[in-house]
């Protein structure tokens, strides 16, 4: 004899919660940030998976910041490669000015990112 759906389903108990508009909006935002259904997001929060939730939300919210930092890292690596390839060119006055300008641009990008954190 096969079991019915409720017997096979591991979550046999239900709970009804009431929220005011502000609380419900927070639940909606949590679920949206996690890209999970409301019930799943609330269940994970209640069952003390808070650290995991914060980590997932942080990862998604900070994706743009990580991308910008990656671009800066690539620029720094290009500078280091150029310097290591031809140190005499680096000592040249024209290249030194280009280097200073590029470094100022990178510094400005870092300041913008700091403002977002």
PDB file of N, CA and C in Angstrom:
ATOM      1  N   UNK A   1       0.835  -1.178   0.000  1.00  0.00           N
ATOM      2  CA  UNK A   1       0.000   0.000   0.000  1.00  0.00           C
ATOM      3  C   UNK A   1       0.886   1.250   0.000  1.00  0.00           C
ATOM      4  N   UNK A   2       0.637   2.170  -0.913  1.00  0.00           N
ATOM      5  CA  UNK A   2       1.464   3.366  -0.995  1.00  0.00           C
ATOM      6  C   UNK A   2       0.962   4.435  -0.027  1.00  0.00           C
ATOM      7  N   UNK A   3       1.916   5.214   0.437  1.00  0.00           N
ATOM      8  CA  UNK A   3       1.583   6.280   1.385  1.00  0.00           C
ATOM      9  C   UNK A   3       1.046   7.481   0.616  1.00  0.00           C
ATOM     10  N   UNK A   4       0.146   8.194   1.248  1.00  0.00           N
ATOM     11  CA  UNK A   4      -0.355   9.401   0.596  1.00  0.00           C
ATOM     12  C   UNK A   4       0.669  10.532   0.749  1.00  0.00           C
ATOM     13  N   UNK A   5       0.400  11.619   0.079  1.00  0.00           N
ATOM     14  CA  UNK A   5       1.342  12.737   0.042  1.00  0.00           C
ATOM     15  C   UNK A   5       1.706  13.232   1.436  1.00  0.00           C
ATOM     16  N   UNK A   6       0.727  13.416   2.299  1.00  0.00           N
ATOM     17  CA  UNK A   6       0.985  13.950   3.634  1.00  0.00           C
ATOM     18  C   UNK A   6       1.869  13.007   4.440  1.00  0.00           C
ATOM     19  N   UNK A   7       1.712  11.694   4.261  1.00  0.00           N
ATOM     20  CA  UNK A   7       2.555  10.733   4.971  1.00  0.00           C
ATOM     21  C   UNK A   7       3.995  10.765   4.453  1.00  0.00           C
ATOM     22  N   UNK A   8       4.155  11.012   3.166  1.00  0.00           N
ATOM     23  CA  UNK A   8       5.501  11.055   2.580  1.00  0.00           C
ATOM     24  C   UNK A   8       6.195  12.396   2.825  1.00  0.00           C
ATOM     25  N   UNK A   9       5.439  13.439   2.978  1.00  0.00           N
ATOM     26  CA  UNK A   9       5.995  14.779   3.117  1.00  0.00           C
ATOM     27  C   UNK A   9       6.610  14.937   4.498  1.00  0.00           C
ATOM     28  N   UNK A  10       7.835  15.383   4.560  1.00  0.00           N
ATOM     29  CA  UNK A  10       8.539  15.447   5.844  1.00  0.00           C
ATOM     30  C   UNK A  10       8.053  16.576   6.751  1.00  0.00           C
ATOM     31  N   UNK A  11       7.418  17.579   6.207  1.00  0.00           N
ATOM     32  CA  UNK A  11       6.907  18.678   7.032  1.00  0.00           C
ATOM     33  C   UNK A  11       5.395  18.513   7.173  1.00  0.00           C
ATOM     34  N   UNK A  12       5.008  17.851   8.230  1.00  0.00           N
ATOM     35  CA  UNK A  12       3.597  17.512   8.434  1.00  0.00           C
ATOM     36  C   UNK A  12       2.847  18.551   9.254  1.00  0.00           C
ATOM     37  N   UNK A  13       3.572  19.460   9.858  1.00  0.00           N
ATOM     38  CA  UNK A  13       2.944  20.433  10.753  1.00  0.00           C
ATOM     39  C   UNK A  13       2.980  21.810  10.101  1.00  0.00           C
ATOM     40  N   UNK A  14       1.916  22.531  10.254  1.00  0.00           N
ATOM     41  CA  UNK A  14       1.886  23.887   9.697  1.00  0.00           C
ATOM     42  C   UNK A  14       1.675  24.892  10.822  1.00  0.00           C
ATOM     43  N   UNK A  15       2.068  26.100  10.549  1.00  0.00           N
ATOM     44  CA  UNK A  15       1.971  27.185  11.513  1.00  0.00           C
ATOM     45  C   UNK A  15       1.532  28.429  10.749  1.00  0.00           C
ATOM     46  N   UNK A  16       0.584  29.129  11.280  1.00  0.00           N
ATOM     47  CA  UNK A  16       0.112  30.357  10.645  1.00  0.00           C
ATOM     48  C   UNK A  16       0.650  31.545  11.428  1.00  0.00           C
ATOM     49  N   UNK A  17       1.234  32.480  10.721  1.00  0.00           N
ATOM     50  CA  UNK A  17       1.775  33.685  11.343  1.00  0.00           C
ATOM     51  C   UNK A  17       1.028  34.895  10.815  1.00  0.00           C
ATOM     52  N   UNK A  18       0.873  35.884  11.657  1.00  0.00           N
ATOM     53  CA  UNK A  18       0.234  37.132  11.254  1.00  0.00           C
ATOM     54  C   UNK A  18       1.269  38.251  11.314  1.00  0.00           C
ATOM     55  N   UNK A  19       1.316  39.066  10.271  1.00  0.00           N
ATOM     56  CA  UNK A  19       2.260  40.169  10.188  1.00  0.00           C
ATOM     57  C   UNK A  19       1.507  41.457   9.902  1.00  0.00           C
ATOM     58  N   UNK A  20       2.056  42.565  10.400  1.00  0.00           N
ATOM     59  CA  UNK A  20       1.536  43.855   9.945  1.00  0.00           C
ATOM     60  C   UNK A  20       2.215  44.159   8.610  1.00  0.00           C
ATOM     61  N   UNK A  21       1.862  45.260   7.977  1.00  0.00           N
ATOM     62  CA  UNK A  21       2.395  45.571   6.645  1.00  0.00           C
ATOM     63  C   UNK A  21       3.916  45.676   6.632  1.00  0.00           C
ATOM     64  N   UNK A  22       4.466  46.333   7.641  1.00  0.00           N
ATOM     65  CA  UNK A  22       5.917  46.521   7.711  1.00  0.00           C
ATOM     66  C   UNK A  22       6.635  45.187   7.896  1.00  0.00           C
ATOM     67  N   UNK A  23       6.138  44.358   8.776  1.00  0.00           N
ATOM     68  CA  UNK A  23       6.749  43.048   9.010  1.00  0.00           C
ATOM     69  C   UNK A  23       6.656  42.175   7.759  1.00  0.00           C
ATOM     70  N   UNK A  24       5.514  42.204   7.115  1.00  0.00           N
ATOM     71  CA  UNK A  24       5.341  41.403   5.907  1.00  0.00           C
ATOM     72  C   UNK A  24       6.295  41.867   4.809  1.00  0.00           C
ATOM     73  N   UNK A  25       6.510  43.171   4.714  1.00  0.00           N
ATOM     74  CA  UNK A  25       7.456  43.706   3.733  1.00  0.00           C
ATOM     75  C   UNK A  25       8.867  43.200   4.016  1.00  0.00           C
ATOM     76  N   UNK A  26       9.227  43.100   5.291  1.00  0.00           N
ATOM     77  CA  UNK A  26      10.545  42.571   5.652  1.00  0.00           C
ATOM     78  C   UNK A  26      10.674  41.113   5.231  1.00  0.00           C
ATOM     79  N   UNK A  27       9.612  40.344   5.418  1.00  0.00           N
ATOM     80  CA  UNK A  27       9.619  38.938   4.997  1.00  0.00           C
ATOM     81  C   UNK A  27       9.768  38.859   3.479  1.00  0.00           C
ATOM     82  N   UNK A  28       9.041  39.701   2.767  1.00  0.00           N
ATOM     83  CA  UNK A  28       9.131  39.732   1.301  1.00  0.00           C
ATOM     84  C   UNK A  28      10.557  40.054   0.852  1.00  0.00           C
ATOM     85  N   UNK A  29      11.172  41.050   1.478  1.00  0.00           N
ATOM     86  CA  UNK A  29      12.529  41.453   1.118  1.00  0.00           C
ATOM     87  C   UNK A  29      13.528  40.345   1.415  1.00  0.00           C
ATOM     88  N   UNK A  30      13.360  39.675   2.537  1.00  0.00           N
ATOM     89  CA  UNK A  30      14.235  38.558   2.885  1.00  0.00           C
ATOM     90  C   UNK A  30      14.128  37.457   1.839  1.00  0.00           C
ATOM     91  N   UNK A  31      12.915  37.082   1.497  1.00  0.00           N
ATOM     92  CA  UNK A  31      12.701  36.020   0.512  1.00  0.00           C
ATOM     93  C   UNK A  31      13.268  36.420  -0.848  1.00  0.00           C
ATOM     94  N   UNK A  32      13.073  37.675  -1.217  1.00  0.00           N
ATOM     95  CA  UNK A  32      13.583  38.147  -2.501  1.00  0.00           C
ATOM     96  C   UNK A  32      15.109  38.151  -2.522  1.00  0.00           C
ATOM     97  N   UNK A  33      15.718  38.602  -1.430  1.00  0.00           N
ATOM     98  CA  UNK A  33      17.180  38.644  -1.358  1.00  0.00           C
ATOM     99  C   UNK A  33      17.782  37.250  -1.440  1.00  0.00           C
ATOM    100  N   UNK A  34      17.090  36.279  -0.864  1.00  0.00           N
ATOM    101  CA  UNK A  34      17.575  34.898  -0.885  1.00  0.00           C
ATOM    102  C   UNK A  34      17.149  34.146  -2.136  1.00  0.00           C
ATOM    103  N   UNK A  35      16.221  34.738  -2.871  1.00  0.00           N
ATOM    104  CA  UNK A  35      15.638  34.079  -4.040  1.00  0.00           C
ATOM    105  C   UNK A  35      15.027  32.735  -3.645  1.00  0.00           C
ATOM    106  N   UNK A  36      14.269  32.785  -2.571  1.00  0.00           N
ATOM    107  CA  UNK A  36      13.598  31.594  -2.047  1.00  0.00           C
ATOM    108  C   UNK A  36      12.155  31.954  -1.732  1.00  0.00           C
ATOM    109  N   UNK A  37      11.293  30.951  -1.658  1.00  0.00           N
ATOM    110  CA  UNK A  37       9.912  31.229  -1.243  1.00  0.00           C
ATOM    111  C   UNK A  37       9.883  31.784   0.182  1.00  0.00           C
ATOM    112  N   UNK A  38       8.835  32.538   0.487  1.00  0.00           N
ATOM    113  CA  UNK A  38       8.718  33.134   1.825  1.00  0.00           C
ATOM    114  C   UNK A  38       8.814  32.081   2.919  1.00  0.00           C
ATOM    115  N   UNK A  39       8.099  30.977   2.757  1.00  0.00           N
ATOM    116  CA  UNK A  39       8.081  29.947   3.799  1.00  0.00           C
ATOM    117  C   UNK A  39       9.483  29.407   4.062  1.00  0.00           C
ATOM    118  N   UNK A  40      10.239  29.171   3.005  1.00  0.00           N
ATOM    119  CA  UNK A  40      11.600  28.650   3.161  1.00  0.00           C
ATOM    120  C   UNK A  40      12.486  29.664   3.869  1.00  0.00           C
ATOM    121  N   UNK A  41      12.403  30.918   3.468  1.00  0.00           N
ATOM    122  CA  UNK A  41      13.228  31.960   4.082  1.00  0.00           C
ATOM    123  C   UNK A  41      12.913  32.111   5.564  1.00  0.00           C
ATOM    124  N   UNK A  42      11.631  32.152   5.907  1.00  0.00           N
ATOM    125  CA  UNK A  42      11.232  32.300   7.310  1.00  0.00           C
ATOM    126  C   UNK A  42      11.631  31.066   8.107  1.00  0.00           C
ATOM    127  N   UNK A  43      11.456  29.875   7.541  1.00  0.00           N
ATOM    128  CA  UNK A  43      11.816  28.643   8.239  1.00  0.00           C
ATOM    129  C   UNK A  43      13.318  28.629   8.551  1.00  0.00           C
ATOM    130  N   UNK A  44      14.140  29.000   7.574  1.00  0.00           N
ATOM    131  CA  UNK A  44      15.584  29.015   7.805  1.00  0.00           C
ATOM    132  C   UNK A  44      15.963  30.038   8.869  1.00  0.00           C
ATOM    133  N   UNK A  45      15.287  31.157   8.864  1.00  0.00           N
ATOM    134  CA  UNK A  45      15.565  32.177   9.872  1.00  0.00           C
ATOM    135  C   UNK A  45      15.174  31.695  11.261  1.00  0.00           C
ATOM    136  N   UNK A  46      13.998  31.112  11.378  1.00  0.00           N
ATOM    137  CA  UNK A  46      13.505  30.634  12.675  1.00  0.00           C
ATOM    138  C   UNK A  46      14.361  29.494  13.209  1.00  0.00           C
ATOM    139  N   UNK A  47      14.790  28.619  12.326  1.00  0.00           N
ATOM    140  CA  UNK A  47      15.543  27.443  12.755  1.00  0.00           C
ATOM    141  C   UNK A  47      17.029  27.739  12.921  1.00  0.00           C
ATOM    142  N   UNK A  48      17.326  28.982  13.188  1.00  0.00           N
ATOM    143  CA  UNK A  48      18.675  29.389  13.579  1.00  0.00           C
ATOM    144  C   UNK A  48      19.711  29.190  12.487  1.00  0.00           C
ATOM    145  N   UNK A  49      19.329  29.431  11.271  1.00  0.00           N
ATOM    146  CA  UNK A  49      20.280  29.386  10.175  1.00  0.00           C
ATOM    147  C   UNK A  49      20.635  30.813   9.779  1.00  0.00           C
ATOM    148  N   UNK A  50      20.616  31.687  10.758  1.00  0.00           N
ATOM    149  CA  UNK A  50      20.785  33.117  10.525  1.00  0.00           C
ATOM    150  C   UNK A  50      22.126  33.430   9.864  1.00  0.00           C
ATOM    151  N   UNK A  51      23.197  32.780  10.307  1.00  0.00           N
ATOM    152  CA  UNK A  51      24.517  33.056   9.745  1.00  0.00           C
ATOM    153  C   UNK A  51      24.528  32.753   8.256  1.00  0.00           C
ATOM    154  N   UNK A  52      23.952  31.618   7.900  1.00  0.00           N
ATOM    155  CA  UNK A  52      23.897  31.227   6.490  1.00  0.00           C
ATOM    156  C   UNK A  52      23.107  32.250   5.685  1.00  0.00           C
ATOM    157  N   UNK A  53      21.993  32.714   6.224  1.00  0.00           N
ATOM    158  CA  UNK A  53      21.167  33.703   5.534  1.00  0.00           C
ATOM    159  C   UNK A  53      21.942  34.995   5.307  1.00  0.00           C
ATOM    160  N   UNK A  54      22.602  35.478   6.350  1.00  0.00           N
ATOM    161  CA  UNK A  54      23.356  36.724   6.228  1.00  0.00           C
ATOM    162  C   UNK A  54      24.456  36.588   5.186  1.00  0.00           C
ATOM    163  N   UNK A  55      25.121  35.436   5.163  1.00  0.00           N
ATOM    164  CA  UNK A  55      26.197  35.204   4.210  1.00  0.00           C
ATOM    165  C   UNK A  55      25.658  35.211   2.783  1.00  0.00           C
ATOM    166  N   UNK A  56      24.521  34.546   2.548  1.00  0.00           N
ATOM    167  CA  UNK A  56      23.938  34.506   1.209  1.00  0.00           C
ATOM    168  C   UNK A  56      23.492  35.885   0.756  1.00  0.00           C
ATOM    169  N   UNK A  57      22.852  36.624   1.647  1.00  0.00           N
ATOM    170  CA  UNK A  57      22.394  37.969   1.297  1.00  0.00           C
ATOM    171  C   UNK A  57      23.595  38.860   1.008  1.00  0.00           C
ATOM    172  N   UNK A  58      24.610  38.781   1.852  1.00  0.00           N
ATOM    173  CA  UNK A  58      25.802  39.600   1.682  1.00  0.00           C
ATOM    174  C   UNK A  58      26.467  39.312   0.342  1.00  0.00           C
ATOM    175  N   UNK A  59      26.561  38.042  -0.004  1.00  0.00           N
ATOM    176  CA  UNK A  59      27.194  37.653  -1.257  1.00  0.00           C
ATOM    177  C   UNK A  59      26.446  38.247  -2.447  1.00  0.00           C
ATOM    178  N   UNK A  60      25.133  38.223  -2.398  1.00  0.00           N
ATOM    179  CA  UNK A  60      24.332  38.737  -3.507  1.00  0.00           C
ATOM    180  C   UNK A  60      24.372  40.259  -3.567  1.00  0.00           C
ATOM    181  N   UNK A  61      24.312  40.906  -2.413  1.00  0.00           N
ATOM    182  CA  UNK A  61      24.329  42.368  -2.382  1.00  0.00           C
ATOM    183  C   UNK A  61      25.695  42.924  -2.757  1.00  0.00           C
ATOM    184  N   UNK A  62      26.742  42.222  -2.404  1.00  0.00           N
ATOM    185  CA  UNK A  62      28.092  42.721  -2.631  1.00  0.00           C
ATOM    186  C   UNK A  62      28.697  42.246  -3.945  1.00  0.00           C
ATOM    187  N   UNK A  63      27.922  41.590  -4.773  1.00  0.00           N
ATOM    188  CA  UNK A  63      28.437  41.101  -6.050  1.00  0.00           C
ATOM    189  C   UNK A  63      29.029  42.207  -6.900  1.00  0.00           C
ATOM    190  N   UNK A  64      28.360  43.350  -6.955  1.00  0.00           N
ATOM    191  CA  UNK A  64      28.863  44.474  -7.743  1.00  0.00           C
ATOM    192  C   UNK A  64      30.166  45.003  -7.167  1.00  0.00           C
ATOM    193  N   UNK A  65      30.249  45.051  -5.860  1.00  0.00           N
ATOM    194  CA  UNK A  65      31.469  45.549  -5.214  1.00  0.00           C
ATOM    195  C   UNK A  65      32.631  44.603  -5.487  1.00  0.00           C
ATOM    196  N   UNK A  66      32.386  43.289  -5.397  1.00  0.00           N
ATOM    197  CA  UNK A  66      33.443  42.322  -5.702  1.00  0.00           C
ATOM    198  C   UNK A  66      33.915  42.469  -7.144  1.00  0.00           C
ATOM    199  N   UNK A  67      32.981  42.712  -8.055  1.00  0.00           N
ATOM    200  CA  UNK A  67      33.334  42.883  -9.462  1.00  0.00           C
ATOM    201  C   UNK A  67      34.226  44.110  -9.644  1.00  0.00           C
ATOM    202  N   UNK A  68      33.860  45.217  -9.004  1.00  0.00           N
ATOM    203  CA  UNK A  68      34.663  46.432  -9.108  1.00  0.00           C
ATOM    204  C   UNK A  68      36.055  46.222  -8.517  1.00  0.00           C
ATOM    205  N   UNK A  69      36.133  45.539  -7.389  1.00  0.00           N
ATOM    206  CA  UNK A  69      37.443  45.255  -6.790  1.00  0.00           C
ATOM    207  C   UNK A  69      38.273  44.359  -7.702  1.00  0.00           C
ATOM    208  N   UNK A  70      37.630  43.413  -8.362  1.00  0.00           N
ATOM    209  CA  UNK A  70      38.336  42.537  -9.302  1.00  0.00           C
ATOM    210  C   UNK A  70      38.944  43.365 -10.436  1.00  0.00           C
ATOM    211  N   UNK A  71      38.174  44.319 -10.965  1.00  0.00           N
ATOM    212  CA  UNK A  71      38.689  45.166 -12.044  1.00  0.00           C
ATOM    213  C   UNK A  71      39.903  45.962 -11.573  1.00  0.00           C
ATOM    214  N   UNK A  72      39.848  46.467 -10.355  1.00  0.00           N
ATOM    215  CA  UNK A  72      40.986  47.216  -9.813  1.00  0.00           C
ATOM    216  C   UNK A  72      42.200  46.302  -9.688  1.00  0.00           C
ATOM    217  N   UNK A  73      41.970  45.080  -9.205  1.00  0.00           N
ATOM    218  CA  UNK A  73      43.066  44.119  -9.087  1.00  0.00           C
ATOM    219  C   UNK A  73      43.709  43.825 -10.429  1.00  0.00           C
ATOM    220  N   UNK A  74      42.896  43.699 -11.460  1.00  0.00           N
ATOM    221  CA  UNK A  74      43.423  43.467 -12.811  1.00  0.00           C
ATOM    222  C   UNK A  74      44.288  44.644 -13.239  1.00  0.00           C
ATOM    223  N   UNK A  75      43.824  45.868 -12.973  1.00  0.00           N
ATOM    224  CA  UNK A  75      44.616  47.056 -13.321  1.00  0.00           C
ATOM    225  C   UNK A  75      45.954  47.070 -12.593  1.00  0.00           C
ATOM    226  N   UNK A  76      45.938  46.737 -11.327  1.00  0.00           N
ATOM    227  CA  UNK A  76      47.189  46.716 -10.550  1.00  0.00           C
ATOM    228  C   UNK A  76      48.142  45.665 -11.113  1.00  0.00           C
ATOM    229  N   UNK A  77      47.613  44.494 -11.479  1.00  0.00           N
ATOM    230  CA  UNK A  77      48.463  43.454 -12.075  1.00  0.00           C
ATOM    231  C   UNK A  77      49.061  43.913 -13.401  1.00  0.00           C
ATOM    232  N   UNK A  78      48.300  44.640 -14.202  1.00  0.00           N
ATOM    233  CA  UNK A  78      48.820  45.157 -15.468  1.00  0.00           C
ATOM    234  C   UNK A  78      49.941  46.159 -15.227  1.00  0.00           C
ATOM    235  N   UNK A  79      49.774  46.982 -14.220  1.00  0.00           N
ATOM    236  CA  UNK A  79      50.824  47.945 -13.878  1.00  0.00           C
ATOM    237  C   UNK A  79      52.092  47.210 -13.456  1.00  0.00           C
ATOM    238  N   UNK A  80      51.941  46.235 -12.570  1.00  0.00           N
ATOM    239  CA  UNK A  80      53.108  45.483 -12.091  1.00  0.00           C
ATOM    240  C   UNK A  80      53.802  44.769 -13.247  1.00  0.00           C
ATOM    241  N   UNK A  81      53.019  44.183 -14.157  1.00  0.00           N
ATOM    242  CA  UNK A  81      53.595  43.480 -15.301  1.00  0.00           C
ATOM    243  C   UNK A  81      54.370  44.456 -16.186  1.00  0.00           C
ATOM    244  N   UNK A  82      53.808  45.643 -16.422  1.00  0.00           N
ATOM    245  CA  UNK A  82      54.479  46.641 -17.255  1.00  0.00           C
ATOM    246  C   UNK A  82      55.789  47.094 -16.617  1.00  0.00           C
ATOM    247  N   UNK A  83      55.759  47.302 -15.321  1.00  0.00           N
ATOM    248  CA  UNK A  83      56.975  47.730 -14.622  1.00  0.00           C
ATOM    249  C   UNK A  83      58.028  46.634 -14.673  1.00  0.00           C
ATOM    250  N   UNK A  84      57.631  45.396 -14.409  1.00  0.00           N
ATOM    251  CA  UNK A  84      58.582  44.289 -14.394  1.00  0.00           C
ATOM    252  C   UNK A  84      59.123  43.966 -15.781  1.00  0.00           C
ATOM    253  N   UNK A  85      58.364  44.248 -16.824  1.00  0.00           N
ATOM    254  CA  UNK A  85      58.793  43.939 -18.185  1.00  0.00           C
ATOM    255  C   UNK A  85      59.886  44.886 -18.650  1.00  0.00           C
ATOM    256  N   UNK A  86      59.733  46.166 -18.364  1.00  0.00           N
ATOM    257  CA  UNK A  86      60.693  47.150 -18.865  1.00  0.00           C
ATOM    258  C   UNK A  86      60.869  48.264 -17.838  1.00  0.00           C
ATOM    259  N   UNK A  87      61.766  48.047 -16.907  1.00  0.00           N
ATOM    260  CA  UNK A  87      61.982  49.018 -15.830  1.00  0.00           C
ATOM    261  C   UNK A  87      62.518  50.344 -16.370  1.00  0.00           C
ATOM    262  N   UNK A  88      63.306  50.287 -17.468  1.00  0.00           N
ATOM    263  CA  UNK A  88      63.832  51.531 -18.050  1.00  0.00           C
ATOM    264  C   UNK A  88      62.696  52.408 -18.575  1.00  0.00           C
ATOM    265  N   UNK A  89      61.694  51.780 -19.168  1.00  0.00           N
ATOM    266  CA  UNK A  89      60.536  52.532 -19.659  1.00  0.00           C
ATOM    267  C   UNK A  89      59.781  53.161 -18.488  1.00  0.00           C
ATOM    268  N   UNK A  90      59.720  52.450 -17.378  1.00  0.00           N
ATOM    269  CA  UNK A  90      59.022  52.963 -16.203  1.00  0.00           C
ATOM    270  C   UNK A  90      59.709  54.207 -15.656  1.00  0.00           C
ATOM    271  N   UNK A  91      61.009  54.210 -15.730  1.00  0.00           N
ATOM    272  CA  UNK A  91      61.776  55.349 -15.224  1.00  0.00           C
ATOM    273  C   UNK A  91      61.599  56.570 -16.131  1.00  0.00           C
ATOM    274  N   UNK A  92      61.276  56.346 -17.400  1.00  0.00           N
ATOM    275  CA  UNK A  92      61.042  57.419 -18.363  1.00  0.00           C
ATOM    276  C   UNK A  92      59.966  58.367 -17.831  1.00  0.00           C
ATOM    277  N   UNK A  93      60.162  59.671 -18.027  1.00  0.00           N
ATOM    278  CA  UNK A  93      59.266  60.703 -17.494  1.00  0.00           C
ATOM    279  C   UNK A  93      57.829  60.553 -17.990  1.00  0.00           C
ATOM    280  N   UNK A  94      57.640  60.298 -19.296  1.00  0.00           N
ATOM    281  CA  UNK A  94      56.284  60.195 -19.849  1.00  0.00           C
ATOM    282  C   UNK A  94      55.523  59.035 -19.224  1.00  0.00           C
ATOM    283  N   UNK A  95      56.182  57.913 -19.097  1.00  0.00           N
ATOM    284  CA  UNK A  95      55.516  56.742 -18.528  1.00  0.00           C
ATOM    285  C   UNK A  95      55.204  56.967 -17.053  1.00  0.00           C
ATOM    286  N   UNK A  96      56.105  57.646 -16.354  1.00  0.00           N
ATOM    287  CA  UNK A  96      55.881  57.926 -14.934  1.00  0.00           C
ATOM    288  C   UNK A  96      54.615  58.768 -14.754  1.00  0.00           C
ATOM    289  N   UNK A  97      54.385  59.734 -15.638  1.00  0.00           N
ATOM    290  CA  UNK A  97      53.167  60.547 -15.553  1.00  0.00           C
ATOM    291  C   UNK A  97      51.926  59.695 -15.808  1.00  0.00           C
ATOM    292  N   UNK A  98      52.008  58.812 -16.810  1.00  0.00           N
ATOM    293  CA  UNK A  98      50.882  57.907 -17.085  1.00  0.00           C
ATOM    294  C   UNK A  98      50.603  57.020 -15.878  1.00  0.00           C
ATOM    295  N   UNK A  99      51.667  56.551 -15.258  1.00  0.00           N
ATOM    296  CA  UNK A  99      51.524  55.690 -14.086  1.00  0.00           C
ATOM    297  C   UNK A  99      50.827  56.444 -12.953  1.00  0.00           C
ATOM    298  N   UNK A 100      51.239  57.664 -12.712  1.00  0.00           N
ATOM    299  CA  UNK A 100      50.637  58.464 -11.641  1.00  0.00           C
ATOM    300  C   UNK A 100      49.155  58.692 -11.919  1.00  0.00           C
ATOM    301  N   UNK A 101      48.820  59.003 -13.169  1.00  0.00           N
ATOM    302  CA  UNK A 101      47.410  59.215 -13.527  1.00  0.00           C
ATOM    303  C   UNK A 101      46.591  57.942 -13.333  1.00  0.00           C
ATOM    304  N   UNK A 102      47.132  56.823 -13.765  1.00  0.00           N
ATOM    305  CA  UNK A 102      46.429  55.551 -13.613  1.00  0.00           C
ATOM    306  C   UNK A 102      46.266  55.192 -12.140  1.00  0.00           C
ATOM    307  N   UNK A 103      47.297  55.439 -11.365  1.00  0.00           N
ATOM    308  CA  UNK A 103      47.228  55.135  -9.940  1.00  0.00           C
ATOM    309  C   UNK A 103      46.190  56.018  -9.239  1.00  0.00           C
ATOM    310  N   UNK A 104      46.103  57.286  -9.629  1.00  0.00           N
ATOM    311  CA  UNK A 104      45.079  58.178  -9.069  1.00  0.00           C
ATOM    312  C   UNK A 104      43.681  57.686  -9.431  1.00  0.00           C
ATOM    313  N   UNK A 105      43.520  57.194 -10.659  1.00  0.00           N
ATOM    314  CA  UNK A 105      42.229  56.657 -11.087  1.00  0.00           C
ATOM    315  C   UNK A 105      41.840  55.438 -10.242  1.00  0.00           C
ATOM    316  N   UNK A 106      42.803  54.579  -9.996  1.00  0.00           N
ATOM    317  CA  UNK A 106      42.549  53.400  -9.164  1.00  0.00           C
ATOM    318  C   UNK A 106      42.194  53.821  -7.739  1.00  0.00           C
ATOM    319  N   UNK A 107      42.908  54.791  -7.207  1.00  0.00           N
ATOM    320  CA  UNK A 107      42.623  55.287  -5.857  1.00  0.00           C
ATOM    321  C   UNK A 107      41.211  55.860  -5.780  1.00  0.00           C
ATOM    322  N   UNK A 108      40.801  56.597  -6.799  1.00  0.00           N
ATOM    323  CA  UNK A 108      39.434  57.141  -6.829  1.00  0.00           C
ATOM    324  C   UNK A 108      38.396  56.025  -6.874  1.00  0.00           C
ATOM    325  N   UNK A 109      38.663  54.975  -7.664  1.00  0.00           N
ATOM    326  CA  UNK A 109      37.741  53.834  -7.727  1.00  0.00           C
ATOM    327  C   UNK A 109      37.603  53.167  -6.361  1.00  0.00           C
ATOM    328  N   UNK A 110      38.714  53.029  -5.670  1.00  0.00           N
ATOM    329  CA  UNK A 110      38.682  52.412  -4.340  1.00  0.00           C
ATOM    330  C   UNK A 110      37.856  53.268  -3.381  1.00  0.00           C
ATOM    331  N   UNK A 111      38.001  54.576  -3.454  1.00  0.00           N
ATOM    332  CA  UNK A 111      37.220  55.472  -2.589  1.00  0.00           C
ATOM    333  C   UNK A 111      35.723  55.348  -2.872  1.00  0.00           C
ATOM    334  N   UNK A 112      35.353  55.218  -4.150  1.00  0.00           N
ATOM    335  CA  UNK A 112      33.941  55.032  -4.503  1.00  0.00           C
ATOM    336  C   UNK A 112      33.401  53.744  -3.894  1.00  0.00           C
ATOM    337  N   UNK A 113      34.191  52.698  -3.973  1.00  0.00           N
ATOM    338  CA  UNK A 113      33.770  51.405  -3.416  1.00  0.00           C
ATOM    339  C   UNK A 113      33.634  51.502  -1.905  1.00  0.00           C
ATOM    340  N   UNK A 114      34.570  52.180  -1.250  1.00  0.00           N
ATOM    341  CA  UNK A 114      34.478  52.344   0.203  1.00  0.00           C
ATOM    342  C   UNK A 114      33.190  53.052   0.592  1.00  0.00           C
ATOM    343  N   UNK A 115      32.743  53.979  -0.245  1.00  0.00           N
ATOM    344  CA  UNK A 115      31.500  54.689   0.029  1.00  0.00           C
ATOM    345  C   UNK A 115      30.279  53.786  -0.049  1.00  0.00           C
ATOM    346  N   UNK A 116      30.373  52.692  -0.790  1.00  0.00           N
ATOM    347  CA  UNK A 116      29.253  51.758  -0.936  1.00  0.00           C
ATOM    348  C   UNK A 116      29.179  50.748   0.198  1.00  0.00           C
ATOM    349  N   UNK A 117      30.286  50.575   0.891  1.00  0.00           N
ATOM    350  CA  UNK A 117      30.330  49.545   1.945  1.00  0.00           C
ATOM    351  C   UNK A 117      29.747  50.088   3.228  1.00  0.00           C
TER     352      UNK A 117
END
